[in-house]
Structures are given as structure tokens and as C-alpha cells.
Amino acid sequence: MPSDHPSVIAVTQEANARSCRLLEAIGMRRIDGFVEFDAPQVLFSVDPQGLRIAH
């Protein structure tokens, strides 16, 4: 969606602790949880300026 304040989103299963830690390590934060495919999912978001990427 066009926006003046774009953000990056990611979804992973709550049980996938490694993916959750990776998303948090790059600066994303949990913003919602829901059930899909009979499993709890977690929605992460960050503004592009908030991403922490190693060079």
C-alpha cells in the first residue's frame, strides 16, 4: 500500500523461536498474534529506518 510512512512486516510461527529472535535482532518488534494453519503466528513490524543490518 502506498504510504508516507512505509514499514516492513514479517510473519512467523510463534513456535519458531530462532526466527523470532532473528527478527528482533534486526530491530523488528512484535505487534500482533493470531492463529493460522492451526498454529499461533506472530506479526512483526519495523520502519525501514529502524532496521539494524550489519555491513
C-alpha atoms as a PDB file:
ATOM      1  CA  MET A   1       0.000   0.000   0.000  1.00  0.00           C
ATOM      2  CA  PRO A   2       1.327   3.468  -0.765  1.00  0.00           C
ATOM      3  CA  SER A   3       2.187   5.304   2.429  1.00  0.00           C
ATOM      4  CA  ASP A   4       4.110   8.307   3.662  1.00  0.00           C
ATOM      5  CA  HIS A   5       5.467   6.052   6.418  1.00  0.00           C
ATOM      6  CA  PRO A   6       6.154   2.604   4.897  1.00  0.00           C
ATOM      7  CA  SER A   7       7.092  -0.264   7.159  1.00  0.00           C
ATOM      8  CA  VAL A   8       8.479  -3.756   6.764  1.00  0.00           C
ATOM      9  CA  ILE A   9       6.393  -6.637   8.119  1.00  0.00           C
ATOM     10  CA  ALA A  10       7.152 -10.305   8.729  1.00  0.00           C
ATOM     11  CA  VAL A  11       5.074 -13.254   9.947  1.00  0.00           C
ATOM     12  CA  THR A  12       6.431 -16.413  11.529  1.00  0.00           C
ATOM     13  CA  GLN A  13       5.107 -19.197  13.709  1.00  0.00           C
ATOM     14  CA  GLU A  14       5.328 -18.387  17.395  1.00  0.00           C
ATOM     15  CA  ALA A  15       6.988 -21.770  17.968  1.00  0.00           C
ATOM     16  CA  ASN A  16       9.843 -20.812  15.619  1.00  0.00           C
ATOM     17  CA  ALA A  17      11.984 -19.212  18.324  1.00  0.00           C
ATOM     18  CA  ARG A  18      15.024 -18.810  16.051  1.00  0.00           C
ATOM     19  CA  SER A  19      13.056 -16.752  13.519  1.00  0.00           C
ATOM     20  CA  CYS A  20      11.527 -14.635  16.285  1.00  0.00           C
ATOM     21  CA  ARG A  21      14.993 -13.928  17.747  1.00  0.00           C
ATOM     22  CA  LEU A  22      16.368 -13.058  14.301  1.00  0.00           C
ATOM     23  CA  LEU A  23      13.533 -10.620  13.594  1.00  0.00           C
ATOM     24  CA  GLU A  24      14.039  -8.986  16.999  1.00  0.00           C
ATOM     25  CA  ALA A  25      17.815  -8.846  16.437  1.00  0.00           C
ATOM     26  CA  ILE A  26      17.371  -6.801  13.257  1.00  0.00           C
ATOM     27  CA  GLY A  27      15.126  -4.325  15.067  1.00  0.00           C
ATOM     28  CA  MET A  28      11.640  -5.663  14.410  1.00  0.00           C
ATOM     29  CA  ARG A  29       9.050  -5.756  17.177  1.00  0.00           C
ATOM     30  CA  ARG A  30       6.033  -7.971  17.797  1.00  0.00           C
ATOM     31  CA  ILE A  31       2.839  -6.135  17.033  1.00  0.00           C
ATOM     32  CA  ASP A  32       0.181  -8.859  16.860  1.00  0.00           C
ATOM     33  CA  GLY A  33      -0.525 -12.540  17.204  1.00  0.00           C
ATOM     34  CA  PHE A  34      -3.129 -14.735  15.526  1.00  0.00           C
ATOM     35  CA  VAL A  35      -3.860 -18.350  14.621  1.00  0.00           C
ATOM     36  CA  GLU A  36      -3.442 -19.548  11.042  1.00  0.00           C
ATOM     37  CA  PHE A  37      -2.821 -23.063   9.705  1.00  0.00           C
ATOM     38  CA  ASP A  38      -3.883 -24.319  13.167  1.00  0.00           C
ATOM     39  CA  ALA A  39      -0.792 -22.730  14.761  1.00  0.00           C
ATOM     40  CA  PRO A  40      -0.095 -19.453  16.582  1.00  0.00           C
ATOM     41  CA  GLN A  41       1.572 -16.886  14.323  1.00  0.00           C
ATOM     42  CA  VAL A  42       3.376 -13.658  15.256  1.00  0.00           C
ATOM     43  CA  LEU A  43       3.348 -10.453  13.210  1.00  0.00           C
ATOM     44  CA  PHE A  44       6.458  -8.269  13.407  1.00  0.00           C
ATOM     45  CA  SER A  45       6.934  -4.751  12.048  1.00  0.00           C
ATOM     46  CA  VAL A  46       9.603  -2.069  11.756  1.00  0.00           C
ATOM     47  CA  ASP A  47      10.047   1.194   9.887  1.00  0.00           C
ATOM     48  CA  PRO A  48      12.799   0.826   7.260  1.00  0.00           C
ATOM     49  CA  GLN A  49      14.953   3.321   9.192  1.00  0.00           C
ATOM     50  CA  GLY A  50      14.730   1.084  12.270  1.00  0.00           C
ATOM     51  CA  LEU A  51      16.281  -1.993  10.641  1.00  0.00           C
ATOM     52  CA  ARG A  52      19.659  -2.988  12.065  1.00  0.00           C
ATOM     53  CA  ILE A  53      21.699  -4.586   9.320  1.00  0.00           C
ATOM     54  CA  ALA A  54      25.393  -5.458   9.656  1.00  0.00           C
ATOM     55  CA  HIS A  55      27.649  -4.264   6.847  1.00  0.00           C
END
